[in-house]
PDB file of N, CA and C in Angstrom:
ATOM      1  N   MET A   1       1.067  -1.017   0.040  1.00  0.00           N
ATOM      2  CA  MET A   1       0.170  -0.192   0.187  1.00  0.00           C
ATOM      3  C   MET A   1       0.983   1.329   0.022  1.00  0.00           C
ATOM      4  N   ILE A   2       0.753   2.286  -0.546  1.00  0.00           N
ATOM      5  CA  ILE A   2       1.399   3.307  -1.123  1.00  0.00           C
ATOM      6  C   ILE A   2       0.328   4.478  -0.845  1.00  0.00           C
ATOM      7  N   ARG A   3       1.156   5.501  -0.060  1.00  0.00           N
ATOM      8  CA  ARG A   3       0.554   7.001   0.215  1.00  0.00           C
ATOM      9  C   ARG A   3      -0.782   7.347  -0.675  1.00  0.00           C
ATOM     10  N   ASP A   4      -0.592   6.954  -1.909  1.00  0.00           N
ATOM     11  CA  ASP A   4      -1.711   7.704  -2.594  1.00  0.00           C
ATOM     12  C   ASP A   4      -2.894   6.882  -2.420  1.00  0.00           C
ATOM     13  N   ASP A   5      -2.763   5.135  -1.988  1.00  0.00           N
ATOM     14  CA  ASP A   5      -3.407   4.144  -2.200  1.00  0.00           C
ATOM     15  C   ASP A   5      -4.285   4.649  -0.928  1.00  0.00           C
ATOM     16  N   ILE A   6      -3.299   5.183   0.027  1.00  0.00           N
ATOM     17  CA  ILE A   6      -4.033   5.021   1.339  1.00  0.00           C
ATOM     18  C   ILE A   6      -4.895   6.969   1.795  1.00  0.00           C
ATOM     19  N   ILE A   7      -4.726   7.719   0.714  1.00  0.00           N
ATOM     20  CA  ILE A   7      -5.369   8.669   0.765  1.00  0.00           C
ATOM     21  C   ILE A   7      -6.756   8.654  -0.082  1.00  0.00           C
ATOM     22  N   LEU A   8      -6.428   7.769  -1.128  1.00  0.00           N
ATOM     23  CA  LEU A   8      -7.957   7.564  -1.972  1.00  0.00           C
ATOM     24  C   LEU A   8      -8.688   6.915  -1.085  1.00  0.00           C
ATOM     25  N   MET A   9      -8.479   5.846   0.299  1.00  0.00           N
ATOM     26  CA  MET A   9      -9.398   5.143   0.698  1.00  0.00           C
ATOM     27  C   MET A   9      -9.843   6.015   1.604  1.00  0.00           C
ATOM     28  N   ALA A  10      -8.991   7.157   2.808  1.00  0.00           N
ATOM     29  CA  ALA A  10      -9.598   8.244   3.453  1.00  0.00           C
ATOM     30  C   ALA A  10     -10.426   8.451   2.382  1.00  0.00           C
ATOM     31  N   ASP A  11     -10.626   9.340   1.794  1.00  0.00           N
ATOM     32  CA  ASP A  11     -11.518  10.138   0.855  1.00  0.00           C
ATOM     33  C   ASP A  11     -12.615   9.050   0.481  1.00  0.00           C
ATOM     34  N   ALA A  12     -12.723   7.812  -0.147  1.00  0.00           N
ATOM     35  CA  ALA A  12     -13.465   7.283  -0.190  1.00  0.00           C
ATOM     36  C   ALA A  12     -14.263   6.705   0.848  1.00  0.00           C
ATOM     37  N   SER A  13     -13.728   6.962   2.334  1.00  0.00           N
ATOM     38  CA  SER A  13     -14.111   6.702   3.498  1.00  0.00           C
ATOM     39  C   SER A  13     -14.814   7.807   4.099  1.00  0.00           C
ATOM     40  N   GLY A  14     -14.355   8.753   3.825  1.00  0.00           N
ATOM     41  CA  GLY A  14     -15.189  10.195   4.686  1.00  0.00           C
ATOM     42  C   GLY A  14     -14.313  10.005   5.206  1.00  0.00           C
ATOM     43  N   LEU A  15     -13.159   9.438   5.497  1.00  0.00           N
ATOM     44  CA  LEU A  15     -12.354  10.045   6.489  1.00  0.00           C
ATOM     45  C   LEU A  15     -11.534  11.438   6.495  1.00  0.00           C
ATOM     46  N   SER A  16     -10.939  11.538   5.254  1.00  0.00           N
ATOM     47  CA  SER A  16     -10.110  12.642   5.309  1.00  0.00           C
ATOM     48  C   SER A  16     -11.272  13.979   5.372  1.00  0.00           C
ATOM     49  N   PHE A  17     -12.261  14.051   5.412  1.00  0.00           N
ATOM     50  CA  PHE A  17     -12.999  14.941   5.793  1.00  0.00           C
ATOM     51  C   PHE A  17     -13.067  15.608   6.825  1.00  0.00           C
ATOM     52  N   TYR A  18     -12.661  14.469   7.712  1.00  0.00           N
ATOM     53  CA  TYR A  18     -12.240  15.573   9.589  1.00  0.00           C
ATOM     54  C   TYR A  18     -10.915  15.762   9.637  1.00  0.00           C
ATOM     55  N   GLY A  19      -9.936  14.755   9.009  1.00  0.00           N
ATOM     56  CA  GLY A  19      -8.461  15.006   9.332  1.00  0.00           C
ATOM     57  C   GLY A  19      -7.874  16.294   8.339  1.00  0.00           C
ATOM     58  N   MET A  20      -8.075  16.367   7.428  1.00  0.00           N
ATOM     59  CA  MET A  20      -7.307  17.034   6.499  1.00  0.00           C
ATOM     60  C   MET A  20      -7.422  18.760   6.887  1.00  0.00           C
ATOM     61  N   GLY A  21      -7.724  19.039   7.988  1.00  0.00           N
ATOM     62  CA  GLY A  21      -7.452  20.343   8.332  1.00  0.00           C
ATOM     63  C   GLY A  21      -6.368  21.373   8.144  1.00  0.00           C
ATOM     64  N   ARG A  22      -6.280  21.825   8.871  1.00  0.00           N
ATOM     65  CA  ARG A  22      -4.976  22.841   8.923  1.00  0.00           C
ATOM     66  C   ARG A  22      -3.564  22.248   9.041  1.00  0.00           C
ATOM     67  N   ASP A  23      -3.290  20.669   9.476  1.00  0.00           N
ATOM     68  CA  ASP A  23      -2.067  20.052   9.218  1.00  0.00           C
ATOM     69  C   ASP A  23      -2.159  18.380   8.388  1.00  0.00           C
ATOM     70  N   ARG A  24      -2.422  19.309   7.792  1.00  0.00           N
ATOM     71  CA  ARG A  24      -2.592  18.020   6.455  1.00  0.00           C
ATOM     72  C   ARG A  24      -1.353  16.789   6.634  1.00  0.00           C
ATOM     73  N   ASP A  25      -0.418  17.047   6.503  1.00  0.00           N
ATOM     74  CA  ASP A  25       0.992  16.785   6.522  1.00  0.00           C
ATOM     75  C   ASP A  25       0.939  15.717   7.951  1.00  0.00           C
ATOM     76  N   LYS A  26       0.596  16.269   8.782  1.00  0.00           N
ATOM     77  CA  LYS A  26       0.204  15.619  10.329  1.00  0.00           C
ATOM     78  C   LYS A  26      -0.880  14.245  10.388  1.00  0.00           C
ATOM     79  N   PHE A  27      -1.971  14.439   9.430  1.00  0.00           N
ATOM     80  CA  PHE A  27      -2.964  13.798   9.698  1.00  0.00           C
ATOM     81  C   PHE A  27      -2.498  12.354   8.603  1.00  0.00           C
ATOM     82  N   LEU A  28      -1.659  12.592   7.325  1.00  0.00           N
ATOM     83  CA  LEU A  28      -1.539  11.566   7.063  1.00  0.00           C
ATOM     84  C   LEU A  28      -0.451  10.805   7.433  1.00  0.00           C
ATOM     85  N   HIS A  29       0.594  11.362   7.961  1.00  0.00           N
ATOM     86  CA  HIS A  29       1.817  10.560   8.820  1.00  0.00           C
ATOM     87  C   HIS A  29       0.774   9.525  10.073  1.00  0.00           C
ATOM     88  N   TYR A  30       0.169  10.435  10.267  1.00  0.00           N
ATOM     89  CA  TYR A  30      -0.832   9.170  11.963  1.00  0.00           C
ATOM     90  C   TYR A  30      -1.735   8.442  10.543  1.00  0.00           C
ATOM     91  N   LEU A  31      -1.969   8.623   9.619  1.00  0.00           N
ATOM     92  CA  LEU A  31      -2.878   7.983   8.703  1.00  0.00           C
ATOM     93  C   LEU A  31      -2.391   6.620   7.734  1.00  0.00           C
ATOM     94  N   GLU A  32      -0.817   7.063   7.640  1.00  0.00           N
ATOM     95  CA  GLU A  32      -0.099   5.924   7.007  1.00  0.00           C
ATOM     96  C   GLU A  32       0.562   4.931   8.093  1.00  0.00           C
ATOM     97  N   ALA A  33       0.757   5.476   9.141  1.00  0.00           N
ATOM     98  CA  ALA A  33       1.081   4.681  10.600  1.00  0.00           C
ATOM     99  C   ALA A  33      -0.510   3.777  10.942  1.00  0.00           C
ATOM    100  N   PHE A  34      -1.457   3.987  10.871  1.00  0.00           N
ATOM    101  CA  PHE A  34      -2.509   3.245  11.191  1.00  0.00           C
ATOM    102  C   PHE A  34      -2.855   1.924  10.006  1.00  0.00           C
ATOM    103  N   ALA A  35      -2.773   2.290   8.575  1.00  0.00           N
ATOM    104  CA  ALA A  35      -2.751   1.796   7.860  1.00  0.00           C
ATOM    105  C   ALA A  35      -1.562   0.429   8.158  1.00  0.00           C
ATOM    106  N   ALA A  36      -1.036   0.874   8.552  1.00  0.00           N
ATOM    107  CA  ALA A  36       0.504   0.222   8.222  1.00  0.00           C
ATOM    108  C   ALA A  36      -0.088  -0.633   9.730  1.00  0.00           C
ATOM    109  N   LEU A  37      -0.111   0.022  10.376  1.00  0.00           N
ATOM    110  CA  LEU A  37      -0.813  -1.272  11.704  1.00  0.00           C
ATOM    111  C   LEU A  37      -1.848  -2.171  11.253  1.00  0.00           C
ATOM    112  N   VAL A  38      -2.738  -1.843  10.266  1.00  0.00           N
ATOM    113  CA  VAL A  38      -3.593  -2.246  10.074  1.00  0.00           C
ATOM    114  C   VAL A  38      -3.602  -3.584   9.210  1.00  0.00           C
ATOM    115  N   ALA A  39      -2.487  -3.392   8.071  1.00  0.00           N
ATOM    116  CA  ALA A  39      -2.300  -4.531   7.299  1.00  0.00           C
ATOM    117  C   ALA A  39      -1.266  -5.083   7.702  1.00  0.00           C
ATOM    118  N   ALA A  40       0.057  -4.773   8.645  1.00  0.00           N
ATOM    119  CA  ALA A  40       0.482  -5.908   9.455  1.00  0.00           C
ATOM    120  C   ALA A  40      -0.426  -7.283  10.562  1.00  0.00           C
ATOM    121  N   ALA A  41      -1.609  -6.318  10.723  1.00  0.00           N
ATOM    122  CA  ALA A  41      -2.609  -7.296  11.629  1.00  0.00           C
ATOM    123  C   ALA A  41      -3.041  -8.209  10.387  1.00  0.00           C
ATOM    124  N   GLU A  42      -3.342  -7.927   9.428  1.00  0.00           N
ATOM    125  CA  GLU A  42      -3.858  -8.524   8.335  1.00  0.00           C
ATOM    126  C   GLU A  42      -3.002  -9.813   7.638  1.00  0.00           C
ATOM    127  N   ARG A  43      -1.850  -9.335   7.484  1.00  0.00           N
ATOM    128  CA  ARG A  43      -0.735 -10.081   7.152  1.00  0.00           C
ATOM    129  C   ARG A  43      -1.015 -11.207   8.119  1.00  0.00           C
ATOM    130  N   LYS A  44      -1.083 -11.402   9.058  1.00  0.00           N
ATOM    131  CA  LYS A  44      -0.621 -11.843  10.605  1.00  0.00           C
ATOM    132  C   LYS A  44      -1.811 -13.069  10.328  1.00  0.00           C
ATOM    133  N   ALA A  45      -3.212 -12.290  10.337  1.00  0.00           N
ATOM    134  CA  ALA A  45      -4.049 -13.168   9.840  1.00  0.00           C
ATOM    135  C   ALA A  45      -4.338 -14.324   9.618  1.00  0.00           C
ATOM    136  N   CYS A  46      -3.704 -13.697   7.771  1.00  0.00           N
ATOM    137  CA  CYS A  46      -3.326 -14.401   6.913  1.00  0.00           C
ATOM    138  C   CYS A  46      -2.598 -15.547   6.907  1.00  0.00           C
ATOM    139  N   ALA A  47      -1.233 -15.381   7.566  1.00  0.00           N
ATOM    140  CA  ALA A  47      -0.550 -16.213   7.682  1.00  0.00           C
ATOM    141  C   ALA A  47      -1.102 -17.388   8.771  1.00  0.00           C
ATOM    142  N   GLU A  48      -1.929 -16.912   9.499  1.00  0.00           N
ATOM    143  CA  GLU A  48      -2.000 -18.118  10.504  1.00  0.00           C
ATOM    144  C   GLU A  48      -3.334 -18.628   9.953  1.00  0.00           C
ATOM    145  N   VAL A  49      -4.286 -18.373   9.042  1.00  0.00           N
ATOM    146  CA  VAL A  49      -5.136 -19.314   8.680  1.00  0.00           C
ATOM    147  C   VAL A  49      -4.821 -20.117   7.443  1.00  0.00           C
ATOM    148  N   CYS A  50      -3.288 -19.347   6.916  1.00  0.00           N
ATOM    149  CA  CYS A  50      -2.733 -20.255   5.980  1.00  0.00           C
ATOM    150  C   CYS A  50      -1.956 -21.953   6.662  1.00  0.00           C
ATOM    151  N   LEU A  51      -1.559 -21.566   7.936  1.00  0.00           N
ATOM    152  CA  LEU A  51      -0.840 -22.601   8.576  1.00  0.00           C
ATOM    153  C   LEU A  51      -2.164 -23.407   9.419  1.00  0.00           C
ATOM    154  N   SER A  52      -2.558 -22.981   9.623  1.00  0.00           N
ATOM    155  CA  SER A  52      -3.922 -23.512  10.146  1.00  0.00           C
ATOM    156  C   SER A  52      -4.805 -24.775   9.214  1.00  0.00           C
ATOM    157  N   GLU A  53      -5.159 -24.260   8.135  1.00  0.00           N
ATOM    158  CA  GLU A  53      -6.405 -24.681   7.012  1.00  0.00           C
ATOM    159  C   GLU A  53      -4.998 -26.119   6.230  1.00  0.00           C
ATOM    160  N   TRP A  54      -4.359 -25.226   5.987  1.00  0.00           N
ATOM    161  CA  TRP A  54      -3.387 -25.815   5.500  1.00  0.00           C
ATOM    162  C   TRP A  54      -2.445 -27.101   6.191  1.00  0.00           C
ATOM    163  N   SER A  55      -2.487 -27.379   7.168  1.00  0.00           N
ATOM    164  CA  SER A  55      -1.787 -28.517   8.649  1.00  0.00           C
ATOM    165  C   SER A  55      -3.224 -29.315   8.578  1.00  0.00           C
ATOM    166  N   THR A  56      -4.378 -28.818   8.903  1.00  0.00           N
ATOM    167  CA  THR A  56      -5.633 -29.765   8.298  1.00  0.00           C
ATOM    168  C   THR A  56      -5.343 -30.653   7.440  1.00  0.00           C
ATOM    169  N   LEU A  57      -5.062 -30.162   6.734  1.00  0.00           N
ATOM    170  CA  LEU A  57      -5.207 -30.700   5.250  1.00  0.00           C
ATOM    171  C   LEU A  57      -3.897 -31.933   5.136  1.00  0.00           C
ATOM    172  N   GLY A  58      -3.380 -31.480   6.241  1.00  0.00           N
ATOM    173  CA  GLY A  58      -2.223 -32.694   5.947  1.00  0.00           C
ATOM    174  C   GLY A  58      -0.505 -31.814   5.304  1.00  0.00           C
ATOM    175  N   GLN A  59      -0.968 -30.874   4.720  1.00  0.00           N
ATOM    176  CA  GLN A  59       0.192 -30.363   4.114  1.00  0.00           C
ATOM    177  C   GLN A  59       0.925 -29.044   4.728  1.00  0.00           C
ATOM    178  N   ARG A  60       1.033 -29.233   5.789  1.00  0.00           N
ATOM    179  CA  ARG A  60       2.051 -28.074   6.641  1.00  0.00           C
ATOM    180  C   ARG A  60       3.623 -27.346   6.475  1.00  0.00           C
ATOM    181  N   ASP A  61       3.663 -28.558   4.758  1.00  0.00           N
ATOM    182  CA  ASP A  61       4.747 -27.424   4.435  1.00  0.00           C
ATOM    183  C   ASP A  61       4.131 -26.174   3.646  1.00  0.00           C
ATOM    184  N   ALA A  62       3.327 -26.903   2.597  1.00  0.00           N
ATOM    185  CA  ALA A  62       2.704 -25.744   1.554  1.00  0.00           C
ATOM    186  C   ALA A  62       2.290 -25.004   2.581  1.00  0.00           C
ATOM    187  N   GLY A  63       1.785 -24.817   3.803  1.00  0.00           N
ATOM    188  CA  GLY A  63       0.955 -23.551   4.678  1.00  0.00           C
ATOM    189  C   GLY A  63       1.834 -22.930   4.577  1.00  0.00           C
ATOM    190  N   GLY A  64       3.533 -23.445   5.811  1.00  0.00           N
ATOM    191  CA  GLY A  64       4.522 -22.739   5.963  1.00  0.00           C
ATOM    192  C   GLY A  64       4.817 -21.821   5.025  1.00  0.00           C
ATOM    193  N   VAL A  65       5.163 -22.276   3.401  1.00  0.00           N
ATOM    194  CA  VAL A  65       5.251 -21.536   2.311  1.00  0.00           C
ATOM    195  C   VAL A  65       4.725 -20.687   2.402  1.00  0.00           C
ATOM    196  N   PHE A  66       2.846 -20.719   2.323  1.00  0.00           N
ATOM    197  CA  PHE A  66       1.955 -19.618   2.141  1.00  0.00           C
ATOM    198  C   PHE A  66       2.417 -18.618   3.194  1.00  0.00           C
ATOM    199  N   ALA A  67       2.445 -19.031   4.399  1.00  0.00           N
ATOM    200  CA  ALA A  67       2.078 -17.536   5.631  1.00  0.00           C
ATOM    201  C   ALA A  67       3.706 -17.160   5.180  1.00  0.00           C
ATOM    202  N   THR A  68       5.082 -17.748   4.772  1.00  0.00           N
ATOM    203  CA  THR A  68       5.994 -17.120   4.775  1.00  0.00           C
ATOM    204  C   THR A  68       6.204 -15.954   3.735  1.00  0.00           C
ATOM    205  N   ALA A  69       4.934 -15.961   2.830  1.00  0.00           N
ATOM    206  CA  ALA A  69       5.663 -15.357   1.593  1.00  0.00           C
ATOM    207  C   ALA A  69       4.379 -14.370   1.917  1.00  0.00           C
ATOM    208  N   ILE A  70       3.406 -14.654   3.014  1.00  0.00           N
ATOM    209  CA  ILE A  70       2.283 -13.775   3.252  1.00  0.00           C
ATOM    210  C   ILE A  70       2.957 -12.021   4.312  1.00  0.00           C
ATOM    211  N   ARG A  71       3.792 -13.029   5.362  1.00  0.00           N
ATOM    212  CA  ARG A  71       4.664 -12.334   6.294  1.00  0.00           C
ATOM    213  C   ARG A  71       5.594 -10.778   5.430  1.00  0.00           C
ATOM    214  N   ALA A  72       6.408 -11.771   4.516  1.00  0.00           N
ATOM    215  CA  ALA A  72       7.216 -11.322   3.772  1.00  0.00           C
ATOM    216  C   ALA A  72       6.431 -10.262   3.433  1.00  0.00           C
ATOM    217  N   ARG A  73       6.005 -10.108   2.433  1.00  0.00           N
ATOM    218  CA  ARG A  73       4.973  -8.729   2.198  1.00  0.00           C
ATOM    219  C   ARG A  73       4.704  -7.612   2.992  1.00  0.00           C
ATOM    220  N   GLY A  74       5.629  -7.880   3.868  1.00  0.00           N
ATOM    221  CA  GLY A  74       5.591  -6.354   4.786  1.00  0.00           C
ATOM    222  C   GLY A  74       7.093  -6.311   5.523  1.00  0.00           C
ATOM    223  N   ASN A  75       7.780  -7.015   4.769  1.00  0.00           N
ATOM    224  CA  ASN A  75       8.977  -6.040   4.054  1.00  0.00           C
ATOM    225  C   ASN A  75       9.812  -5.462   2.805  1.00  0.00           C
ATOM    226  N   THR A  76       8.182  -5.220   2.207  1.00  0.00           N
ATOM    227  CA  THR A  76       8.524  -4.676   1.008  1.00  0.00           C
ATOM    228  C   THR A  76       8.324  -3.049   0.681  1.00  0.00           C
TER     229      THR A  76
END
């Protein structure tokens, strides 16, 4: 997710109408930090689902590969 994506989502949700007043740069800084936290939590949840679901199917190695790939997205 890049800054422009975050701004578009804030606009689509109506959030930008409340936060982009006097100090737009500060608002965007905190909005980006919030978006990063949400994205990290979602990656973690997806990785856990991979491990859980694939382990149930007896394919723990595949689940681990997918979970690792999902977690690695946070490093890009």
